[in-house]
């Protein structure tokens, strides 16, 4: 279910990030790390973009401390060509 999407293109990991559900987020990342790599349409936001957009620093730290936080993910671009640092 971690890869299932809603009508807005978000998977459960994206929703847990937006809502600040850190325990759920941690469980999902450990269960299916690939879910964090899925981008949300139409803006093509990554889960890290969502952390920044919705002001979720704890979720960002959790994701960066997990296997998700590698350089490729940090440099992933959204639909406007921005990574999380821009």
Protein backbone atom coordinates (compact mmCIF):
# COMPACT_ATOMS: atom_id res chain seq x y z
CA UNK A 1 0.00 0.00 0.00
CA UNK A 2 2.97 2.36 0.39
CA UNK A 3 3.01 2.85 -3.37
CA UNK A 4 -0.75 3.33 -3.84
CA UNK A 5 -1.76 6.84 -4.89
CA UNK A 6 -4.71 9.08 -4.14
CA UNK A 7 -6.44 11.38 -6.63
CA UNK A 8 -3.75 14.03 -6.07
CA UNK A 9 -0.96 11.58 -6.92
CA UNK A 10 0.27 11.26 -3.34
CA UNK A 11 1.24 7.97 -1.72
CA UNK A 12 0.82 7.30 2.04
CA UNK A 13 4.42 8.37 2.71
CA UNK A 14 3.73 11.78 1.12
CA UNK A 15 0.59 12.20 3.22
CA UNK A 16 2.39 11.21 6.44
CA UNK A 17 5.05 13.81 5.62
CA UNK A 18 2.54 16.59 4.98
CA UNK A 19 0.65 15.77 8.19
CA UNK A 20 3.83 15.46 10.28
CA UNK A 21 3.16 11.85 11.28
CA UNK A 22 6.77 10.95 12.11
CA UNK A 23 6.14 7.47 13.51
CA UNK A 24 4.15 6.46 10.45
CA UNK A 25 6.72 8.04 8.17
CA UNK A 26 9.55 6.15 9.85
CA UNK A 27 7.71 2.81 9.55
CA UNK A 28 6.92 3.38 5.87
CA UNK A 29 10.46 4.40 4.94
CA UNK A 30 11.82 1.27 6.61
CA UNK A 31 9.17 -0.97 5.01
CA UNK A 32 9.33 0.43 1.44
CA UNK A 33 12.16 2.96 0.94
CA UNK A 34 11.26 3.22 -2.75
CA UNK A 35 8.03 5.03 -1.80
CA UNK A 36 10.10 8.08 -0.84
CA UNK A 37 11.44 8.30 -4.39
CA UNK A 38 7.99 8.64 -5.92
CA UNK A 39 7.23 12.16 -7.08
CA UNK A 40 3.87 13.89 -6.62
CA UNK A 41 2.21 15.11 -9.81
CA UNK A 42 1.67 17.74 -11.21
CA UNK A 43 4.45 19.66 -9.42
CA UNK A 44 6.77 16.60 -9.39
CA UNK A 45 7.62 17.25 -5.74
CA UNK A 46 9.69 14.65 -3.94
CA UNK A 47 9.03 13.80 -0.31
CA UNK A 48 11.91 16.14 0.60
CA UNK A 49 10.24 18.98 -1.33
CA UNK A 50 7.09 18.32 0.69
CA UNK A 51 9.06 18.57 3.95
CA UNK A 52 10.29 22.02 2.95
CA UNK A 53 6.99 23.16 1.45
CA UNK A 54 4.96 22.17 4.54
CA UNK A 55 7.64 23.20 7.07
CA UNK A 56 8.31 19.73 8.47
CA UNK A 57 11.95 19.86 9.70
CA UNK A 58 11.58 16.72 11.87
CA UNK A 59 10.33 14.74 8.87
CA UNK A 60 13.20 16.12 6.76
CA UNK A 61 15.74 15.04 9.38
CA UNK A 62 14.17 11.60 9.66
CA UNK A 63 14.31 11.13 5.89
CA UNK A 64 17.86 12.44 5.60
CA UNK A 65 18.99 10.12 8.40
CA UNK A 66 17.41 7.14 6.66
CA UNK A 67 18.57 5.51 3.47
CA UNK A 68 16.57 8.11 1.53
CA UNK A 69 18.95 10.98 2.22
CA UNK A 70 21.60 10.44 -0.42
CA UNK A 71 23.00 13.03 -2.82
CA UNK A 72 20.80 11.92 -5.70
CA UNK A 73 17.65 12.51 -3.64
CA UNK A 74 18.94 15.84 -2.32
CA UNK A 75 19.58 17.02 -5.86
CA UNK A 76 16.26 15.75 -7.27
CA UNK A 77 14.42 18.50 -9.10
CA UNK A 78 10.73 19.34 -8.99
CA UNK A 79 8.67 20.35 -12.03
CA UNK A 80 10.19 23.85 -11.93
CA UNK A 81 13.77 22.56 -11.88
CA UNK A 82 14.36 23.34 -8.18
CA UNK A 83 15.99 21.04 -5.67
CA UNK A 84 15.09 21.37 -1.97
CA UNK A 85 17.76 24.01 -1.42
CA UNK A 86 16.32 26.46 -3.95
